[in-house]
PDB file of all heavy atoms in Angstrom:
ATOM      1  N   MET A   1     124.083  67.049 204.920  1.00  0.00           N
ATOM      2  CA  MET A   1     124.824  67.092 206.209  1.00  0.00           C
ATOM      3  C   MET A   1     125.509  68.405 206.249  1.00  0.00           C
ATOM      4  O   MET A   1     125.786  69.110 207.227  1.00  0.00           O
ATOM      5  CB  MET A   1     125.602  65.853 206.668  1.00  0.00           C
ATOM      6  CG  MET A   1     124.602  64.629 206.877  1.00  0.00           C
ATOM      7  SD  MET A   1     123.667  64.830 208.398  1.00  0.00           S
ATOM      8  CE  MET A   1     124.965  64.407 209.660  1.00  0.00           C
ATOM      9  N   ASP A   2     126.312  68.629 205.144  1.00  0.00           N
ATOM     10  CA  ASP A   2     127.016  69.831 204.891  1.00  0.00           C
ATOM     11  C   ASP A   2     126.240  71.209 205.140  1.00  0.00           C
ATOM     12  O   ASP A   2     126.565  72.044 206.042  1.00  0.00           O
ATOM     13  CB  ASP A   2     127.851  69.990 203.631  1.00  0.00           C
ATOM     14  CG  ASP A   2     128.914  68.793 203.584  1.00  0.00           C
ATOM     15  OD1 ASP A   2     129.450  68.449 204.581  1.00  0.00           O
ATOM     16  OD2 ASP A   2     129.315  68.528 202.406  1.00  0.00           O
ATOM     17  N   LEU A   3     124.984  71.089 204.508  1.00  0.00           N
ATOM     18  CA  LEU A   3     124.165  72.239 204.647  1.00  0.00           C
ATOM     19  C   LEU A   3     123.640  72.312 206.076  1.00  0.00           C
ATOM     20  O   LEU A   3     123.387  73.477 206.634  1.00  0.00           O
ATOM     21  CB  LEU A   3     122.882  71.982 203.731  1.00  0.00           C
ATOM     22  CG  LEU A   3     121.711  73.077 203.818  1.00  0.00           C
ATOM     23  CD1 LEU A   3     122.220  74.331 203.432  1.00  0.00           C
ATOM     24  CD2 LEU A   3     120.567  72.697 202.854  1.00  0.00           C
ATOM     25  N   ALA A   4     123.364  71.219 206.767  1.00  0.00           N
ATOM     26  CA  ALA A   4     122.884  71.161 208.067  1.00  0.00           C
ATOM     27  C   ALA A   4     123.847  71.915 208.973  1.00  0.00           C
ATOM     28  O   ALA A   4     123.616  72.673 209.846  1.00  0.00           O
ATOM     29  CB  ALA A   4     122.638  69.739 208.652  1.00  0.00           C
ATOM     30  N   GLU A   5     125.144  71.589 208.797  1.00  0.00           N
ATOM     31  CA  GLU A   5     126.211  72.220 209.623  1.00  0.00           C
ATOM     32  C   GLU A   5     126.306  73.693 209.360  1.00  0.00           C
ATOM     33  O   GLU A   5     126.525  74.517 210.399  1.00  0.00           O
ATOM     34  CB  GLU A   5     127.611  71.583 209.288  1.00  0.00           C
ATOM     35  CG  GLU A   5     128.718  72.208 210.236  1.00  0.00           C
ATOM     36  CD  GLU A   5     129.913  71.483 210.328  1.00  0.00           C
ATOM     37  OE1 GLU A   5     129.973  70.306 209.782  1.00  0.00           O
ATOM     38  OE2 GLU A   5     130.916  71.793 210.790  1.00  0.00           O
ATOM     39  N   VAL A   6     126.029  74.176 208.157  1.00  0.00           N
ATOM     40  CA  VAL A   6     126.099  75.551 207.870  1.00  0.00           C
ATOM     41  C   VAL A   6     125.047  76.276 208.489  1.00  0.00           C
ATOM     42  O   VAL A   6     125.131  77.242 209.240  1.00  0.00           O
ATOM     43  CB  VAL A   6     126.013  75.767 206.256  1.00  0.00           C
ATOM     44  CG1 VAL A   6     125.790  77.336 205.992  1.00  0.00           C
ATOM     45  CG2 VAL A   6     127.361  75.271 205.645  1.00  0.00           C
ATOM     46  N   VAL A   7     123.779  75.777 208.424  1.00  0.00           N
ATOM     47  CA  VAL A   7     122.598  76.597 209.130  1.00  0.00           C
ATOM     48  C   VAL A   7     122.655  76.396 210.570  1.00  0.00           C
ATOM     49  O   VAL A   7     122.148  77.218 211.298  1.00  0.00           O
ATOM     50  CB  VAL A   7     121.241  76.120 208.510  1.00  0.00           C
ATOM     51  CG1 VAL A   7     121.162  76.471 206.954  1.00  0.00           C
ATOM     52  CG2 VAL A   7     121.057  74.534 208.625  1.00  0.00           C
ATOM     53  N   ARG A   8     123.193  75.254 211.097  1.00  0.00           N
ATOM     54  CA  ARG A   8     123.349  75.143 212.514  1.00  0.00           C
ATOM     55  C   ARG A   8     124.253  76.271 213.034  1.00  0.00           C
ATOM     56  O   ARG A   8     124.028  76.864 214.049  1.00  0.00           O
ATOM     57  CB  ARG A   8     124.041  73.691 212.777  1.00  0.00           C
ATOM     58  CG  ARG A   8     124.070  73.534 214.416  1.00  0.00           C
ATOM     59  CD  ARG A   8     124.684  72.137 214.667  1.00  0.00           C
ATOM     60  NE  ARG A   8     125.995  71.973 214.273  1.00  0.00           N
ATOM     61  CZ  ARG A   8     127.105  72.367 214.812  1.00  0.00           C
ATOM     62  NH1 ARG A   8     127.048  72.967 216.088  1.00  0.00           N
ATOM     63  NH2 ARG A   8     128.325  72.343 214.339  1.00  0.00           N
ATOM     64  N   LEU A   9     125.501  76.339 212.390  1.00  0.00           N
ATOM     65  CA  LEU A   9     126.386  77.419 212.718  1.00  0.00           C
ATOM     66  C   LEU A   9     125.842  78.867 212.676  1.00  0.00           C
ATOM     67  O   LEU A   9     126.201  79.743 213.314  1.00  0.00           O
ATOM     68  CB  LEU A   9     127.659  77.286 211.931  1.00  0.00           C
ATOM     69  CG  LEU A   9     128.633  76.151 212.041  1.00  0.00           C
ATOM     70  CD1 LEU A   9     129.559  75.906 211.058  1.00  0.00           C
ATOM     71  CD2 LEU A   9     129.352  76.281 213.412  1.00  0.00           C
ATOM     72  N   ALA A  10     124.788  78.954 211.677  1.00  0.00           N
ATOM     73  CA  ALA A  10     124.173  80.343 211.509  1.00  0.00           C
ATOM     74  C   ALA A  10     123.127  80.411 212.630  1.00  0.00           C
ATOM     75  O   ALA A  10     122.485  81.455 212.625  1.00  0.00           O
ATOM     76  CB  ALA A  10     123.600  80.279 210.046  1.00  0.00           C
ATOM     77  N   GLY A  11     122.886  79.471 213.547  1.00  0.00           N
ATOM     78  CA  GLY A  11     122.038  79.550 214.609  1.00  0.00           C
ATOM     79  C   GLY A  11     120.585  79.325 214.265  1.00  0.00           C
ATOM     80  O   GLY A  11     119.601  79.828 214.788  1.00  0.00           O
ATOM     81  N   ARG A  12     120.377  78.371 213.194  1.00  0.00           N
ATOM     82  CA  ARG A  12     118.996  78.009 212.769  1.00  0.00           C
ATOM     83  C   ARG A  12     118.870  76.601 212.938  1.00  0.00           C
ATOM     84  O   ARG A  12     118.855  75.721 211.814  1.00  0.00           O
ATOM     85  CB  ARG A  12     118.785  78.428 211.279  1.00  0.00           C
ATOM     86  CG  ARG A  12     118.578  80.061 211.330  1.00  0.00           C
ATOM     87  CD  ARG A  12     118.961  80.735 209.982  1.00  0.00           C
ATOM     88  NE  ARG A  12     118.772  79.933 208.800  1.00  0.00           N
ATOM     89  CZ  ARG A  12     119.433  80.012 207.627  1.00  0.00           C
ATOM     90  NH1 ARG A  12     120.486  80.933 207.673  1.00  0.00           N
ATOM     91  NH2 ARG A  12     119.113  79.389 206.574  1.00  0.00           N
ATOM     92  N   PRO A  13     118.680  76.014 214.114  1.00  0.00           N
ATOM     93  CA  PRO A  13     118.505  74.475 214.368  1.00  0.00           C
ATOM     94  C   PRO A  13     117.439  73.878 213.685  1.00  0.00           C
ATOM     95  O   PRO A  13     117.489  72.722 213.339  1.00  0.00           O
ATOM     96  CB  PRO A  13     118.571  74.553 215.909  1.00  0.00           C
ATOM     97  CG  PRO A  13     118.059  75.761 216.350  1.00  0.00           C
ATOM     98  CD  PRO A  13     118.616  76.810 215.443  1.00  0.00           C
ATOM     99  N   ASP A  14     116.304  74.580 213.502  1.00  0.00           N
ATOM    100  CA  ASP A  14     115.183  73.890 212.923  1.00  0.00           C
ATOM    101  C   ASP A  14     115.485  73.425 211.469  1.00  0.00           C
ATOM    102  O   ASP A  14     115.092  72.436 211.087  1.00  0.00           O
ATOM    103  CB  ASP A  14     113.874  74.903 213.016  1.00  0.00           C
ATOM    104  CG  ASP A  14     113.422  74.979 214.415  1.00  0.00           C
ATOM    105  OD1 ASP A  14     113.682  74.267 215.311  1.00  0.00           O
ATOM    106  OD2 ASP A  14     112.594  76.004 214.664  1.00  0.00           O
ATOM    107  N   GLU A  15     116.223  74.425 210.688  1.00  0.00           N
ATOM    108  CA  GLU A  15     116.413  74.130 209.469  1.00  0.00           C
ATOM    109  C   GLU A  15     117.615  73.007 209.309  1.00  0.00           C
ATOM    110  O   GLU A  15     117.571  72.187 208.478  1.00  0.00           O
ATOM    111  CB  GLU A  15     117.005  75.414 208.692  1.00  0.00           C
ATOM    112  CG  GLU A  15     115.973  76.460 208.478  1.00  0.00           C
ATOM    113  CD  GLU A  15     116.466  77.750 207.855  1.00  0.00           C
ATOM    114  OE1 GLU A  15     117.246  77.660 206.868  1.00  0.00           O
ATOM    115  OE2 GLU A  15     116.112  78.762 208.332  1.00  0.00           O
ATOM    116  N   ALA A  16     118.433  73.055 210.361  1.00  0.00           N
ATOM    117  CA  ALA A  16     119.427  72.007 210.453  1.00  0.00           C
ATOM    118  C   ALA A  16     118.795  70.599 210.678  1.00  0.00           C
ATOM    119  O   ALA A  16     119.074  69.626 210.014  1.00  0.00           O
ATOM    120  CB  ALA A  16     120.402  72.228 211.542  1.00  0.00           C
ATOM    121  N   VAL A  17     117.802  70.495 211.450  1.00  0.00           N
ATOM    122  CA  VAL A  17     117.028  69.335 211.718  1.00  0.00           C
ATOM    123  C   VAL A  17     116.397  68.839 210.506  1.00  0.00           C
ATOM    124  O   VAL A  17     116.417  67.576 210.081  1.00  0.00           O
ATOM    125  CB  VAL A  17     115.949  69.523 212.816  1.00  0.00           C
ATOM    126  CG1 VAL A  17     114.917  68.361 212.900  1.00  0.00           C
ATOM    127  CG2 VAL A  17     116.663  69.666 214.196  1.00  0.00           C
ATOM    128  N   ALA A  18     115.646  69.616 209.694  1.00  0.00           N
ATOM    129  CA  ALA A  18     115.095  69.255 208.442  1.00  0.00           C
ATOM    130  C   ALA A  18     116.133  68.600 207.507  1.00  0.00           C
ATOM    131  O   ALA A  18     115.808  67.627 206.838  1.00  0.00           O
ATOM    132  CB  ALA A  18     114.390  70.501 207.748  1.00  0.00           C
ATOM    133  N   ALA A  19     117.273  69.133 207.338  1.00  0.00           N
ATOM    134  CA  ALA A  19     118.320  68.823 206.417  1.00  0.00           C
ATOM    135  C   ALA A  19     118.856  67.351 206.926  1.00  0.00           C
ATOM    136  O   ALA A  19     118.982  66.380 206.134  1.00  0.00           O
ATOM    137  CB  ALA A  19     119.486  69.641 206.239  1.00  0.00           C
ATOM    138  N   VAL A  20     119.016  67.329 208.305  1.00  0.00           N
ATOM    139  CA  VAL A  20     119.528  65.994 208.857  1.00  0.00           C
ATOM    140  C   VAL A  20     118.553  64.796 208.672  1.00  0.00           C
ATOM    141  O   VAL A  20     118.943  63.736 208.371  1.00  0.00           O
ATOM    142  CB  VAL A  20     119.949  66.197 210.293  1.00  0.00           C
ATOM    143  CG1 VAL A  20     120.510  64.829 210.841  1.00  0.00           C
ATOM    144  CG2 VAL A  20     121.210  67.185 210.373  1.00  0.00           C
ATOM    145  N   GLU A  21     117.256  65.090 208.873  1.00  0.00           N
ATOM    146  CA  GLU A  21     116.309  64.197 208.729  1.00  0.00           C
ATOM    147  C   GLU A  21     116.201  63.581 207.257  1.00  0.00           C
ATOM    148  O   GLU A  21     116.020  62.413 207.019  1.00  0.00           O
ATOM    149  CB  GLU A  21     114.906  64.745 209.157  1.00  0.00           C
ATOM    150  CG  GLU A  21     114.731  64.800 210.623  1.00  0.00           C
ATOM    151  CD  GLU A  21     113.509  65.503 210.945  1.00  0.00           C
ATOM    152  OE1 GLU A  21     112.769  66.078 210.123  1.00  0.00           O
ATOM    153  OE2 GLU A  21     113.121  65.417 212.231  1.00  0.00           O
ATOM    154  N   MET A  22     116.399  64.494 206.283  1.00  0.00           N
ATOM    155  CA  MET A  22     116.435  64.059 204.904  1.00  0.00           C
ATOM    156  C   MET A  22     117.680  63.128 204.640  1.00  0.00           C
ATOM    157  O   MET A  22     117.593  62.176 203.913  1.00  0.00           O
ATOM    158  CB  MET A  22     116.358  65.268 203.919  1.00  0.00           C
ATOM    159  CG  MET A  22     115.078  65.834 203.966  1.00  0.00           C
ATOM    160  SD  MET A  22     114.949  67.104 202.541  1.00  0.00           S
ATOM    161  CE  MET A  22     115.843  68.627 203.277  1.00  0.00           C
ATOM    162  N   ALA A  23     118.875  63.572 205.274  1.00  0.00           N
ATOM    163  CA  ALA A  23     120.194  62.780 205.079  1.00  0.00           C
ATOM    164  C   ALA A  23     119.996  61.451 205.765  1.00  0.00           C
ATOM    165  O   ALA A  23     120.397  60.328 205.175  1.00  0.00           O
ATOM    166  CB  ALA A  23     121.195  63.541 205.775  1.00  0.00           C
ATOM    167  N   LEU A  24     119.294  61.420 206.842  1.00  0.00           N
ATOM    168  CA  LEU A  24     119.047  60.152 207.611  1.00  0.00           C
ATOM    169  C   LEU A  24     118.255  59.202 206.698  1.00  0.00           C
ATOM    170  O   LEU A  24     118.608  57.992 206.678  1.00  0.00           O
ATOM    171  CB  LEU A  24     118.493  60.472 208.931  1.00  0.00           C
ATOM    172  CG  LEU A  24     118.082  59.132 209.681  1.00  0.00           C
ATOM    173  CD1 LEU A  24     119.262  58.379 210.013  1.00  0.00           C
ATOM    174  CD2 LEU A  24     117.281  59.556 211.053  1.00  0.00           C
ATOM    175  N   GLU A  25     117.216  59.641 206.084  1.00  0.00           N
ATOM    176  CA  GLU A  25     116.498  58.833 205.227  1.00  0.00           C
ATOM    177  C   GLU A  25     117.287  58.075 204.075  1.00  0.00           C
ATOM    178  O   GLU A  25     117.066  56.954 203.800  1.00  0.00           O
ATOM    179  CB  GLU A  25     115.210  59.562 204.756  1.00  0.00           C
ATOM    180  CG  GLU A  25     114.133  58.858 204.013  1.00  0.00           C
ATOM    181  CD  GLU A  25     114.444  58.481 202.572  1.00  0.00           C
ATOM    182  OE1 GLU A  25     115.151  59.343 201.834  1.00  0.00           O
ATOM    183  OE2 GLU A  25     114.119  57.468 202.042  1.00  0.00           O
ATOM    184  N   LEU A  26     118.204  58.964 203.477  1.00  0.00           N
ATOM    185  CA  LEU A  26     118.987  58.596 202.407  1.00  0.00           C
ATOM    186  C   LEU A  26     119.921  57.439 202.816  1.00  0.00           C
ATOM    187  O   LEU A  26     120.188  56.467 202.278  1.00  0.00           O
ATOM    188  CB  LEU A  26     119.744  59.719 201.769  1.00  0.00           C
ATOM    189  CG  LEU A  26     118.822  60.618 200.985  1.00  0.00           C
ATOM    190  CD1 LEU A  26     119.496  62.083 200.714  1.00  0.00           C
ATOM    191  CD2 LEU A  26     118.372  60.146 199.680  1.00  0.00           C
ATOM    192  N   TYR A  27     120.518  57.783 204.010  1.00  0.00           N
ATOM    193  CA  TYR A  27     121.553  56.736 204.722  1.00  0.00           C
ATOM    194  C   TYR A  27     120.965  55.516 204.956  1.00  0.00           C
ATOM    195  O   TYR A  27     121.370  54.473 204.714  1.00  0.00           O
ATOM    196  CB  TYR A  27     122.163  57.374 205.963  1.00  0.00           C
ATOM    197  CG  TYR A  27     123.025  58.456 205.668  1.00  0.00           C
ATOM    198  CD1 TYR A  27     123.199  59.689 206.561  1.00  0.00           C
ATOM    199  CD2 TYR A  27     123.931  58.770 204.599  1.00  0.00           C
ATOM    200  CE1 TYR A  27     123.997  60.699 206.564  1.00  0.00           C
ATOM    201  CE2 TYR A  27     124.757  59.759 204.435  1.00  0.00           C
ATOM    202  CZ  TYR A  27     124.777  60.844 205.427  1.00  0.00           C
ATOM    203  OH  TYR A  27     125.652  61.961 205.236  1.00  0.00           O
ATOM    204  N   GLU A  28     119.606  55.540 205.531  1.00  0.00           N
ATOM    205  CA  GLU A  28     118.957  54.391 205.831  1.00  0.00           C
ATOM    206  C   GLU A  28     118.524  53.534 204.674  1.00  0.00           C
ATOM    207  O   GLU A  28     118.540  52.349 204.460  1.00  0.00           O
ATOM    208  CB  GLU A  28     117.802  54.702 206.776  1.00  0.00           C
ATOM    209  CG  GLU A  28     118.133  54.953 208.099  1.00  0.00           C
ATOM    210  CD  GLU A  28     117.005  55.359 209.102  1.00  0.00           C
ATOM    211  OE1 GLU A  28     115.809  55.731 208.483  1.00  0.00           O
ATOM    212  OE2 GLU A  28     117.016  55.245 210.181  1.00  0.00           O
ATOM    213  N   ARG A  29     118.243  54.166 203.554  1.00  0.00           N
ATOM    214  CA  ARG A  29     117.859  53.564 202.400  1.00  0.00           C
ATOM    215  C   ARG A  29     119.038  52.908 201.798  1.00  0.00           C
ATOM    216  O   ARG A  29     118.913  51.749 201.201  1.00  0.00           O
ATOM    217  CB  ARG A  29     117.236  54.631 201.327  1.00  0.00           C
ATOM    218  CG  ARG A  29     116.417  53.916 200.250  1.00  0.00           C
ATOM    219  CD  ARG A  29     116.150  54.817 199.056  1.00  0.00           C
ATOM    220  NE  ARG A  29     115.711  56.205 199.494  1.00  0.00           N
ATOM    221  CZ  ARG A  29     115.579  57.275 198.631  1.00  0.00           C
ATOM    222  NH1 ARG A  29     115.876  57.104 197.334  1.00  0.00           N
ATOM    223  NH2 ARG A  29     115.297  58.502 198.999  1.00  0.00           N
ATOM    224  N   LYS A  30     120.246  53.525 201.803  1.00  0.00           N
ATOM    225  CA  LYS A  30     121.432  52.904 201.275  1.00  0.00           C
ATOM    226  C   LYS A  30     121.930  51.823 202.259  1.00  0.00           C
ATOM    227  O   LYS A  30     122.575  50.819 201.704  1.00  0.00           O
ATOM    228  CB  LYS A  30     122.494  53.876 201.010  1.00  0.00           C
ATOM    229  CG  LYS A  30     123.885  53.467 200.549  1.00  0.00           C
ATOM    230  CD  LYS A  30     123.738  52.812 199.156  1.00  0.00           C
ATOM    231  CE  LYS A  30     125.074  52.370 198.622  1.00  0.00           C
ATOM    232  NZ  LYS A  30     125.191  51.662 197.348  1.00  0.00           N
ATOM    233  N   GLY A  31     121.580  51.938 203.504  1.00  0.00           N
ATOM    234  CA  GLY A  31     122.190  50.975 204.508  1.00  0.00           C
ATOM    235  C   GLY A  31     123.559  51.410 205.055  1.00  0.00           C
ATOM    236  O   GLY A  31     124.375  50.473 205.388  1.00  0.00           O
ATOM    237  N   ILE A  32     123.851  52.615 205.085  1.00  0.00           N
ATOM    238  CA  ILE A  32     125.080  53.157 205.649  1.00  0.00           C
ATOM    239  C   ILE A  32     124.810  53.345 207.237  1.00  0.00           C
ATOM    240  O   ILE A  32     124.542  54.426 207.592  1.00  0.00           O
ATOM    241  CB  ILE A  32     125.582  54.376 204.968  1.00  0.00           C
ATOM    242  CG1 ILE A  32     125.704  54.267 203.346  1.00  0.00           C
ATOM    243  CG2 ILE A  32     126.970  54.918 205.488  1.00  0.00           C
ATOM    244  CD1 ILE A  32     126.010  55.465 202.741  1.00  0.00           C
ATOM    245  N   VAL A  33     125.083  52.348 207.893  1.00  0.00           N
ATOM    246  CA  VAL A  33     124.660  52.348 209.365  1.00  0.00           C
ATOM    247  C   VAL A  33     125.430  53.441 210.120  1.00  0.00           C
ATOM    248  O   VAL A  33     124.780  53.995 210.902  1.00  0.00           O
ATOM    249  CB  VAL A  33     125.177  50.931 209.895  1.00  0.00           C
ATOM    250  CG1 VAL A  33     124.823  50.788 211.470  1.00  0.00           C
ATOM    251  CG2 VAL A  33     124.173  49.761 209.235  1.00  0.00           C
TER     252      VAL A  33
END
């Protein structure tokens, strides 16, 4: 998520989406709603 914010601020939303999607999978696996 930190990496996603960095690339979002750099104007690269596609890369931000990829990082957030990976983070989401980890949060769901752990159960951090």
